[in-house]
């Protein structure tokens, strides 16, 4: 039986994180043109804001790490924890004092916000063109 492959531009992009020697230590795939990605990111923002503000102890760090991995995977729409946090855990404090998860979440929002805005503007333009013919 023959098979076919159809190549389409799905809008999915890959974000990578490299260390100073050029080694890619973390990456994720994201579809910023999927409105659900933006919705999930906005819905999850409060969860991440609480992590920045709270101090966590060594007894709760394992569960918090798992919760963070689950929430990031939820936003992206696929199981991403090994791909993102395989070499550097979410709660690693980086030399600049930020948690690694802060950088991940900031990058997700940086990617999603402009694309969602573009998509909304394009949808509005199409709607305006469609309704224009019915306006008197």
C-alpha atoms as a PDB file:
ATOM      1  CA  UNK A   1       0.000   0.000   0.000  1.00  0.00           C
ATOM      2  CA  UNK A   2       1.303   3.430  -0.916  1.00  0.00           C
ATOM      3  CA  UNK A   3       1.437   6.265   1.524  1.00  0.00           C
ATOM      4  CA  UNK A   4       1.297  10.005   1.059  1.00  0.00           C
ATOM      5  CA  UNK A   5       2.707  12.899   2.972  1.00  0.00           C
ATOM      6  CA  UNK A   6       1.123  16.316   2.874  1.00  0.00           C
ATOM      7  CA  UNK A   7       3.300  19.157   4.049  1.00  0.00           C
ATOM      8  CA  UNK A   8       1.467  22.142   5.512  1.00  0.00           C
ATOM      9  CA  UNK A   9       2.504  25.141   7.523  1.00  0.00           C
ATOM     10  CA  UNK A  10       0.869  24.320  10.847  1.00  0.00           C
ATOM     11  CA  UNK A  11       2.198  27.433  12.543  1.00  0.00           C
ATOM     12  CA  UNK A  12       4.181  25.335  15.035  1.00  0.00           C
ATOM     13  CA  UNK A  13       7.566  26.794  15.950  1.00  0.00           C
ATOM     14  CA  UNK A  14      10.369  25.468  18.133  1.00  0.00           C
ATOM     15  CA  UNK A  15      11.927  27.581  20.874  1.00  0.00           C
ATOM     16  CA  UNK A  16      15.373  26.477  22.012  1.00  0.00           C
ATOM     17  CA  UNK A  17      17.522  27.435  24.979  1.00  0.00           C
ATOM     18  CA  UNK A  18      21.283  27.180  24.758  1.00  0.00           C
ATOM     19  CA  UNK A  19      24.002  27.678  27.302  1.00  0.00           C
ATOM     20  CA  UNK A  20      27.097  29.796  26.755  1.00  0.00           C
ATOM     21  CA  UNK A  21      28.952  27.044  24.861  1.00  0.00           C
ATOM     22  CA  UNK A  22      26.084  26.664  22.361  1.00  0.00           C
ATOM     23  CA  UNK A  23      24.656  23.423  23.780  1.00  0.00           C
ATOM     24  CA  UNK A  24      20.852  23.205  23.418  1.00  0.00           C
ATOM     25  CA  UNK A  25      19.714  22.113  26.874  1.00  0.00           C
ATOM     26  CA  UNK A  26      15.991  22.815  26.570  1.00  0.00           C
ATOM     27  CA  UNK A  27      13.380  23.263  23.857  1.00  0.00           C
ATOM     28  CA  UNK A  28       9.681  23.181  23.228  1.00  0.00           C
ATOM     29  CA  UNK A  29       7.266  23.267  20.313  1.00  0.00           C
ATOM     30  CA  UNK A  30       4.428  25.761  20.369  1.00  0.00           C
ATOM     31  CA  UNK A  31       1.625  26.722  18.040  1.00  0.00           C
ATOM     32  CA  UNK A  32       1.120  30.426  18.701  1.00  0.00           C
ATOM     33  CA  UNK A  33      -1.559  30.656  16.003  1.00  0.00           C
ATOM     34  CA  UNK A  34      -3.757  28.199  17.901  1.00  0.00           C
ATOM     35  CA  UNK A  35      -6.024  30.431  19.979  1.00  0.00           C
ATOM     36  CA  UNK A  36      -6.305  27.647  22.576  1.00  0.00           C
ATOM     37  CA  UNK A  37      -2.582  27.984  23.338  1.00  0.00           C
ATOM     38  CA  UNK A  38      -3.078  31.629  24.269  1.00  0.00           C
ATOM     39  CA  UNK A  39      -6.179  30.833  26.299  1.00  0.00           C
ATOM     40  CA  UNK A  40      -4.346  28.138  28.265  1.00  0.00           C
ATOM     41  CA  UNK A  41      -1.393  30.475  28.872  1.00  0.00           C
ATOM     42  CA  UNK A  42      -3.613  33.262  30.187  1.00  0.00           C
ATOM     43  CA  UNK A  43      -5.575  30.797  32.305  1.00  0.00           C
ATOM     44  CA  UNK A  44      -2.316  29.516  33.867  1.00  0.00           C
ATOM     45  CA  UNK A  45      -0.698  32.903  34.554  1.00  0.00           C
ATOM     46  CA  UNK A  46      -1.876  33.130  38.159  1.00  0.00           C
ATOM     47  CA  UNK A  47      -0.350  29.728  38.966  1.00  0.00           C
ATOM     48  CA  UNK A  48       3.083  30.949  37.841  1.00  0.00           C
ATOM     49  CA  UNK A  49       2.745  34.317  39.582  1.00  0.00           C
ATOM     50  CA  UNK A  50       2.196  32.512  42.885  1.00  0.00           C
ATOM     51  CA  UNK A  51       5.387  30.483  42.391  1.00  0.00           C
ATOM     52  CA  UNK A  52       7.435  33.655  42.022  1.00  0.00           C
ATOM     53  CA  UNK A  53       6.008  35.066  45.225  1.00  0.00           C
ATOM     54  CA  UNK A  54       6.077  32.023  47.465  1.00  0.00           C
ATOM     55  CA  UNK A  55       9.029  30.393  49.120  1.00  0.00           C
ATOM     56  CA  UNK A  56       9.060  26.639  48.907  1.00  0.00           C
ATOM     57  CA  UNK A  57      10.707  24.181  51.234  1.00  0.00           C
ATOM     58  CA  UNK A  58      12.591  21.011  50.388  1.00  0.00           C
ATOM     59  CA  UNK A  59       9.612  18.844  51.435  1.00  0.00           C
ATOM     60  CA  UNK A  60       7.308  20.393  48.833  1.00  0.00           C
ATOM     61  CA  UNK A  61       9.784  21.000  46.022  1.00  0.00           C
ATOM     62  CA  UNK A  62       9.187  17.615  44.335  1.00  0.00           C
ATOM     63  CA  UNK A  63       5.442  18.143  44.069  1.00  0.00           C
ATOM     64  CA  UNK A  64       5.868  21.748  42.983  1.00  0.00           C
ATOM     65  CA  UNK A  65       8.298  20.648  40.255  1.00  0.00           C
ATOM     66  CA  UNK A  66       5.718  18.104  38.994  1.00  0.00           C
ATOM     67  CA  UNK A  67       2.915  20.690  39.119  1.00  0.00           C
ATOM     68  CA  UNK A  68       5.022  23.137  37.092  1.00  0.00           C
ATOM     69  CA  UNK A  69       5.872  20.500  34.478  1.00  0.00           C
ATOM     70  CA  UNK A  70       2.192  19.548  34.189  1.00  0.00           C
ATOM     71  CA  UNK A  71       1.091  23.171  33.832  1.00  0.00           C
ATOM     72  CA  UNK A  72       3.676  23.956  31.137  1.00  0.00           C
ATOM     73  CA  UNK A  73       2.670  20.796  29.248  1.00  0.00           C
ATOM     74  CA  UNK A  74      -0.981  21.862  29.546  1.00  0.00           C
ATOM     75  CA  UNK A  75      -0.219  25.275  28.043  1.00  0.00           C
ATOM     76  CA  UNK A  76       1.743  23.791  25.151  1.00  0.00           C
ATOM     77  CA  UNK A  77      -0.825  21.060  24.532  1.00  0.00           C
ATOM     78  CA  UNK A  78       1.559  18.085  24.764  1.00  0.00           C
ATOM     79  CA  UNK A  79       3.783  16.281  27.281  1.00  0.00           C
ATOM     80  CA  UNK A  80       6.826  18.539  27.231  1.00  0.00           C
ATOM     81  CA  UNK A  81       8.484  18.094  30.624  1.00  0.00           C
ATOM     82  CA  UNK A  82      11.471  15.961  29.556  1.00  0.00           C
ATOM     83  CA  UNK A  83      12.101  18.133  26.516  1.00  0.00           C
ATOM     84  CA  UNK A  84      12.047  21.345  28.562  1.00  0.00           C
ATOM     85  CA  UNK A  85      13.204  20.343  32.036  1.00  0.00           C
ATOM     86  CA  UNK A  86      15.300  17.255  31.262  1.00  0.00           C
ATOM     87  CA  UNK A  87      18.653  18.910  31.901  1.00  0.00           C
ATOM     88  CA  UNK A  88      17.698  21.935  34.006  1.00  0.00           C
ATOM     89  CA  UNK A  89      14.835  21.631  36.471  1.00  0.00           C
ATOM     90  CA  UNK A  90      12.089  24.231  36.606  1.00  0.00           C
ATOM     91  CA  UNK A  91      13.131  25.408  40.068  1.00  0.00           C
ATOM     92  CA  UNK A  92      16.803  25.892  39.241  1.00  0.00           C
ATOM     93  CA  UNK A  93      17.929  29.336  40.332  1.00  0.00           C
ATOM     94  CA  UNK A  94      19.972  30.800  37.495  1.00  0.00           C
ATOM     95  CA  UNK A  95      22.951  33.146  37.950  1.00  0.00           C
ATOM     96  CA  UNK A  96      20.697  36.190  37.423  1.00  0.00           C
ATOM     97  CA  UNK A  97      18.481  35.067  40.334  1.00  0.00           C
ATOM     98  CA  UNK A  98      15.483  33.987  38.273  1.00  0.00           C
ATOM     99  CA  UNK A  99      13.988  30.520  38.321  1.00  0.00           C
ATOM    100  CA  UNK A 100      14.354  28.622  35.043  1.00  0.00           C
ATOM    101  CA  UNK A 101      10.577  28.241  34.852  1.00  0.00           C
ATOM    102  CA  UNK A 102      10.269  32.051  34.795  1.00  0.00           C
ATOM    103  CA  UNK A 103      12.328  32.160  31.613  1.00  0.00           C
ATOM    104  CA  UNK A 104      10.226  29.387  30.051  1.00  0.00           C
ATOM    105  CA  UNK A 105       6.928  31.101  30.890  1.00  0.00           C
ATOM    106  CA  UNK A 106       8.224  34.496  29.724  1.00  0.00           C
ATOM    107  CA  UNK A 107       9.274  32.948  26.393  1.00  0.00           C
ATOM    108  CA  UNK A 108       5.889  31.256  25.951  1.00  0.00           C
ATOM    109  CA  UNK A 109       4.111  34.567  26.536  1.00  0.00           C
ATOM    110  CA  UNK A 110       6.547  36.426  24.269  1.00  0.00           C
ATOM    111  CA  UNK A 111       5.714  33.990  21.459  1.00  0.00           C
ATOM    112  CA  UNK A 112       1.967  33.704  22.040  1.00  0.00           C
ATOM    113  CA  UNK A 113       0.917  37.315  22.620  1.00  0.00           C
ATOM    114  CA  UNK A 114       1.807  38.845  19.233  1.00  0.00           C
ATOM    115  CA  UNK A 115       0.561  35.853  17.266  1.00  0.00           C
ATOM    116  CA  UNK A 116      -2.773  35.793  19.076  1.00  0.00           C
ATOM    117  CA  UNK A 117      -3.123  39.522  18.443  1.00  0.00           C
ATOM    118  CA  UNK A 118      -2.348  39.076  14.711  1.00  0.00           C
ATOM    119  CA  UNK A 119      -4.839  36.221  14.479  1.00  0.00           C
ATOM    120  CA  UNK A 120      -7.557  38.266  16.198  1.00  0.00           C
ATOM    121  CA  UNK A 121      -6.938  41.201  13.852  1.00  0.00           C
ATOM    122  CA  UNK A 122      -7.104  38.935  10.787  1.00  0.00           C
ATOM    123  CA  UNK A 123     -10.311  37.346  12.029  1.00  0.00           C
ATOM    124  CA  UNK A 124     -11.834  40.788  12.648  1.00  0.00           C
ATOM    125  CA  UNK A 125     -10.838  41.944   9.154  1.00  0.00           C
ATOM    126  CA  UNK A 126     -12.492  38.893   7.591  1.00  0.00           C
ATOM    127  CA  UNK A 127     -15.611  39.469   9.694  1.00  0.00           C
ATOM    128  CA  UNK A 128     -15.683  43.150   8.712  1.00  0.00           C
ATOM    129  CA  UNK A 129     -15.369  42.252   5.020  1.00  0.00           C
ATOM    130  CA  UNK A 130     -18.157  39.714   5.348  1.00  0.00           C
ATOM    131  CA  UNK A 131     -20.546  42.015   7.218  1.00  0.00           C
ATOM    132  CA  UNK A 132     -19.734  45.060   5.058  1.00  0.00           C
ATOM    133  CA  UNK A 133     -21.894  43.717   2.227  1.00  0.00           C
ATOM    134  CA  UNK A 134     -24.903  43.608   4.599  1.00  0.00           C
ATOM    135  CA  UNK A 135     -24.490  47.123   5.914  1.00  0.00           C
ATOM    136  CA  UNK A 136     -26.737  49.733   4.367  1.00  0.00           C
END
